[in-house]
Amino acid sequence: MIRLLIDYNKLNDNDKKEYKESLKIMCILIVCAIVMFYIVPLVFKYAKIVEIELIYTMMVDVYTAFCFAAGFVHARKFGFGVFVPIIIAVLFVPAAIIFYNNIILTGWAVLYLVLGMLGECFGRVMRRISINRKYK
């Protein structure tokens, strides 16, 4: 079961520590997403390296791999959570409008959300496998 809201005061010390670590990793992944979605296109724009092939290569290859990997890393360490894929998908929408001047490209956010959720699922499976091996 996915718990979206957690009462921090009712957690024991180990769960509080894991919750803090989860938030720290989540913040690191969000900062990486901001760098990829906003800083890199800004650098390309001001360096006059704005070629359409490069933009679409980044969207198809780099961003999709990042969304899957971010979900996988978070779930592998802390279990399934929906916040990382949702935040990453939402962060892409303004970037598509600002840097690519195309509102239709905001539909890629749905793909990034699905890939992030798949990464979360695979990370959760890998976490369960490693936990099961640990206790055998």
C-alpha atoms as a PDB file:
ATOM      1  CA  MET A   1       0.000   0.000   0.000  1.00  0.00           C
ATOM      2  CA  ILE A   2       1.255   3.432  -0.893  1.00  0.00           C
ATOM      3  CA  ARG A   3       1.114   5.923   1.933  1.00  0.00           C
ATOM      4  CA  LEU A   4       1.044   9.441   0.577  1.00  0.00           C
ATOM      5  CA  LEU A   5       0.783  11.283   3.872  1.00  0.00           C
ATOM      6  CA  ILE A   6       2.936  10.201   6.792  1.00  0.00           C
ATOM      7  CA  ASP A   7       2.551  11.425  10.352  1.00  0.00           C
ATOM      8  CA  TYR A   8       6.194  12.046  11.145  1.00  0.00           C
ATOM      9  CA  ASN A   9       5.626  12.194  14.915  1.00  0.00           C
ATOM     10  CA  LYS A  10       4.244   8.633  15.003  1.00  0.00           C
ATOM     11  CA  LEU A  11       7.297   7.100  13.324  1.00  0.00           C
ATOM     12  CA  ASN A  12       9.936   5.272  15.332  1.00  0.00           C
ATOM     13  CA  ASP A  13      13.581   6.328  15.134  1.00  0.00           C
ATOM     14  CA  ASN A  14      14.551   3.932  12.313  1.00  0.00           C
ATOM     15  CA  ASP A  15      11.574   4.958  10.207  1.00  0.00           C
ATOM     16  CA  LYS A  16      12.324   8.650  10.814  1.00  0.00           C
ATOM     17  CA  LYS A  17      15.894   8.121   9.633  1.00  0.00           C
ATOM     18  CA  GLU A  18      14.715   6.264   6.507  1.00  0.00           C
ATOM     19  CA  TYR A  19      12.109   8.951   5.819  1.00  0.00           C
ATOM     20  CA  LYS A  20      14.739  11.703   6.045  1.00  0.00           C
ATOM     21  CA  GLU A  21      17.065   9.756   3.725  1.00  0.00           C
ATOM     22  CA  SER A  22      14.207   9.270   1.280  1.00  0.00           C
ATOM     23  CA  LEU A  23      13.515  13.005   1.221  1.00  0.00           C
ATOM     24  CA  LYS A  24      17.224  13.721   0.741  1.00  0.00           C
ATOM     25  CA  ILE A  25      17.482  11.360  -2.257  1.00  0.00           C
ATOM     26  CA  MET A  26      14.237  12.765  -3.637  1.00  0.00           C
ATOM     27  CA  CYS A  27      15.609  16.309  -3.437  1.00  0.00           C
ATOM     28  CA  ILE A  28      18.822  15.251  -5.184  1.00  0.00           C
ATOM     29  CA  LEU A  29      16.807  13.641  -8.004  1.00  0.00           C
ATOM     30  CA  ILE A  30      14.629  16.740  -8.325  1.00  0.00           C
ATOM     31  CA  VAL A  31      17.697  18.992  -8.544  1.00  0.00           C
ATOM     32  CA  CYS A  32      19.100  16.700 -11.256  1.00  0.00           C
ATOM     33  CA  ALA A  33      15.786  16.985 -13.118  1.00  0.00           C
ATOM     34  CA  ILE A  34      15.865  20.770 -12.861  1.00  0.00           C
ATOM     35  CA  VAL A  35      19.401  20.816 -14.212  1.00  0.00           C
ATOM     36  CA  MET A  36      18.478  18.519 -17.111  1.00  0.00           C
ATOM     37  CA  PHE A  37      15.189  20.207 -18.004  1.00  0.00           C
ATOM     38  CA  TYR A  38      16.149  23.860 -17.459  1.00  0.00           C
ATOM     39  CA  ILE A  39      19.901  24.485 -17.154  1.00  0.00           C
ATOM     40  CA  VAL A  40      21.108  22.288 -20.044  1.00  0.00           C
ATOM     41  CA  PRO A  41      18.626  23.728 -22.600  1.00  0.00           C
ATOM     42  CA  LEU A  42      19.479  27.230 -21.350  1.00  0.00           C
ATOM     43  CA  VAL A  43      23.175  26.564 -21.943  1.00  0.00           C
ATOM     44  CA  PHE A  44      22.423  25.196 -25.416  1.00  0.00           C
ATOM     45  CA  LYS A  45      20.290  28.226 -26.208  1.00  0.00           C
ATOM     46  CA  TYR A  46      22.942  30.750 -25.205  1.00  0.00           C
ATOM     47  CA  ALA A  47      25.783  28.760 -26.758  1.00  0.00           C
ATOM     48  CA  LYS A  48      23.858  28.738 -30.072  1.00  0.00           C
ATOM     49  CA  ILE A  49      23.846  24.909 -30.194  1.00  0.00           C
ATOM     50  CA  VAL A  50      20.113  24.732 -30.712  1.00  0.00           C
ATOM     51  CA  GLU A  51      19.753  22.116 -33.408  1.00  0.00           C
ATOM     52  CA  ILE A  52      16.442  20.332 -33.665  1.00  0.00           C
ATOM     53  CA  GLU A  53      18.127  16.922 -33.830  1.00  0.00           C
ATOM     54  CA  LEU A  54      19.953  17.577 -30.558  1.00  0.00           C
ATOM     55  CA  ILE A  55      16.756  18.659 -28.822  1.00  0.00           C
ATOM     56  CA  TYR A  56      14.826  15.592 -29.886  1.00  0.00           C
ATOM     57  CA  THR A  57      17.747  13.301 -29.114  1.00  0.00           C
ATOM     58  CA  MET A  58      17.844  14.677 -25.594  1.00  0.00           C
ATOM     59  CA  MET A  59      14.087  14.274 -25.201  1.00  0.00           C
ATOM     60  CA  VAL A  60      13.970  10.743 -26.561  1.00  0.00           C
ATOM     61  CA  ASP A  61      17.202   9.314 -25.179  1.00  0.00           C
ATOM     62  CA  VAL A  62      18.527  11.288 -22.244  1.00  0.00           C
ATOM     63  CA  TYR A  63      15.315  12.399 -20.538  1.00  0.00           C
ATOM     64  CA  THR A  64      13.605   9.030 -20.861  1.00  0.00           C
ATOM     65  CA  ALA A  65      16.621   7.204 -19.450  1.00  0.00           C
ATOM     66  CA  PHE A  66      16.825   9.728 -16.624  1.00  0.00           C
ATOM     67  CA  CYS A  67      13.145   9.358 -15.701  1.00  0.00           C
ATOM     68  CA  PHE A  68      13.403   5.574 -15.581  1.00  0.00           C
ATOM     69  CA  ALA A  69      16.684   5.681 -13.658  1.00  0.00           C
ATOM     70  CA  ALA A  70      15.376   8.214 -11.131  1.00  0.00           C
ATOM     71  CA  GLY A  71      12.390   6.043 -10.341  1.00  0.00           C
ATOM     72  CA  PHE A  72      14.547   2.938 -10.185  1.00  0.00           C
ATOM     73  CA  VAL A  73      17.114   4.488  -7.843  1.00  0.00           C
ATOM     74  CA  HIS A  74      14.490   5.841  -5.471  1.00  0.00           C
ATOM     75  CA  ALA A  75      12.509   2.596  -5.319  1.00  0.00           C
ATOM     76  CA  ARG A  76      15.614   0.420  -5.040  1.00  0.00           C
ATOM     77  CA  LYS A  77      16.682   2.272  -1.936  1.00  0.00           C
ATOM     78  CA  PHE A  78      13.348   3.166  -0.281  1.00  0.00           C
ATOM     79  CA  GLY A  79      10.543   1.152  -1.871  1.00  0.00           C
ATOM     80  CA  PHE A  80       7.744   2.234  -4.157  1.00  0.00           C
ATOM     81  CA  GLY A  81       6.772   5.901  -4.068  1.00  0.00           C
ATOM     82  CA  VAL A  82       4.813   7.993  -6.507  1.00  0.00           C
ATOM     83  CA  PHE A  83       6.228  11.412  -5.740  1.00  0.00           C
ATOM     84  CA  VAL A  84       9.468  11.231  -7.747  1.00  0.00           C
ATOM     85  CA  PRO A  85       7.873  10.329 -11.125  1.00  0.00           C
ATOM     86  CA  ILE A  86       5.051  12.828 -10.641  1.00  0.00           C
ATOM     87  CA  ILE A  87       7.366  15.692  -9.728  1.00  0.00           C
ATOM     88  CA  ILE A  88       9.711  14.938 -12.617  1.00  0.00           C
ATOM     89  CA  ALA A  89       6.820  14.818 -15.103  1.00  0.00           C
ATOM     90  CA  VAL A  90       5.383  18.081 -13.762  1.00  0.00           C
ATOM     91  CA  LEU A  91       8.797  19.764 -13.952  1.00  0.00           C
ATOM     92  CA  PHE A  92       9.044  18.950 -17.648  1.00  0.00           C
ATOM     93  CA  VAL A  93       5.810  20.748 -18.647  1.00  0.00           C
ATOM     94  CA  PRO A  94       7.048  24.353 -18.135  1.00  0.00           C
ATOM     95  CA  ALA A  95      10.425  23.443 -19.664  1.00  0.00           C
ATOM     96  CA  ALA A  96       8.717  22.203 -22.830  1.00  0.00           C
ATOM     97  CA  ILE A  97       6.750  25.424 -23.123  1.00  0.00           C
ATOM     98  CA  ILE A  98       9.649  27.745 -22.293  1.00  0.00           C
ATOM     99  CA  PHE A  99      12.537  26.200 -24.214  1.00  0.00           C
ATOM    100  CA  TYR A 100      10.915  24.264 -27.034  1.00  0.00           C
ATOM    101  CA  ASN A 101       8.060  26.727 -27.818  1.00  0.00           C
ATOM    102  CA  ASN A 102       5.742  23.811 -28.456  1.00  0.00           C
ATOM    103  CA  ILE A 103       2.827  22.975 -26.206  1.00  0.00           C
ATOM    104  CA  ILE A 104       2.360  19.616 -27.908  1.00  0.00           C
ATOM    105  CA  LEU A 105       5.676  18.455 -26.428  1.00  0.00           C
ATOM    106  CA  THR A 106       4.084  18.627 -22.984  1.00  0.00           C
ATOM    107  CA  GLY A 107       2.536  15.256 -23.853  1.00  0.00           C
ATOM    108  CA  TRP A 108       5.985  13.775 -23.301  1.00  0.00           C
ATOM    109  CA  ALA A 109       5.397  14.410 -19.595  1.00  0.00           C
ATOM    110  CA  VAL A 110       2.933  11.510 -19.638  1.00  0.00           C
ATOM    111  CA  LEU A 111       5.624   9.261 -21.126  1.00  0.00           C
ATOM    112  CA  TYR A 112       8.096  10.423 -18.495  1.00  0.00           C
ATOM    113  CA  LEU A 113       5.523   9.722 -15.782  1.00  0.00           C
ATOM    114  CA  VAL A 114       4.938   6.202 -17.099  1.00  0.00           C
ATOM    115  CA  LEU A 115       8.672   5.532 -17.374  1.00  0.00           C
ATOM    116  CA  GLY A 116       9.230   6.844 -13.861  1.00  0.00           C
ATOM    117  CA  MET A 117       6.498   4.543 -12.546  1.00  0.00           C
ATOM    118  CA  LEU A 118       8.035   1.604 -14.415  1.00  0.00           C
ATOM    119  CA  GLY A 119      11.383   2.463 -12.852  1.00  0.00           C
ATOM    120  CA  GLU A 120       9.707   2.538  -9.448  1.00  0.00           C
ATOM    121  CA  CYS A 121       8.147  -0.883 -10.100  1.00  0.00           C
ATOM    122  CA  PHE A 122      11.415  -2.464 -11.240  1.00  0.00           C
ATOM    123  CA  GLY A 123      13.281  -0.864  -8.357  1.00  0.00           C
ATOM    124  CA  ARG A 124      10.707  -2.216  -5.930  1.00  0.00           C
ATOM    125  CA  VAL A 125      11.102  -5.713  -7.391  1.00  0.00           C
ATOM    126  CA  MET A 126      14.891  -5.501  -7.127  1.00  0.00           C
ATOM    127  CA  ARG A 127      14.592  -4.278  -3.540  1.00  0.00           C
ATOM    128  CA  ARG A 128      12.352  -7.218  -2.634  1.00  0.00           C
ATOM    129  CA  ILE A 129      14.730  -9.672  -4.297  1.00  0.00           C
ATOM    130  CA  SER A 130      17.714  -8.293  -2.387  1.00  0.00           C
ATOM    131  CA  ILE A 131      15.783  -8.324   0.903  1.00  0.00           C
ATOM    132  CA  ASN A 132      14.717 -11.927   0.311  1.00  0.00           C
ATOM    133  CA  ARG A 133      18.298 -12.975  -0.485  1.00  0.00           C
ATOM    134  CA  LYS A 134      19.523 -11.225   2.624  1.00  0.00           C
ATOM    135  CA  TYR A 135      17.254 -13.233   4.922  1.00  0.00           C
ATOM    136  CA  LYS A 136      17.799 -16.669   3.328  1.00  0.00           C
END
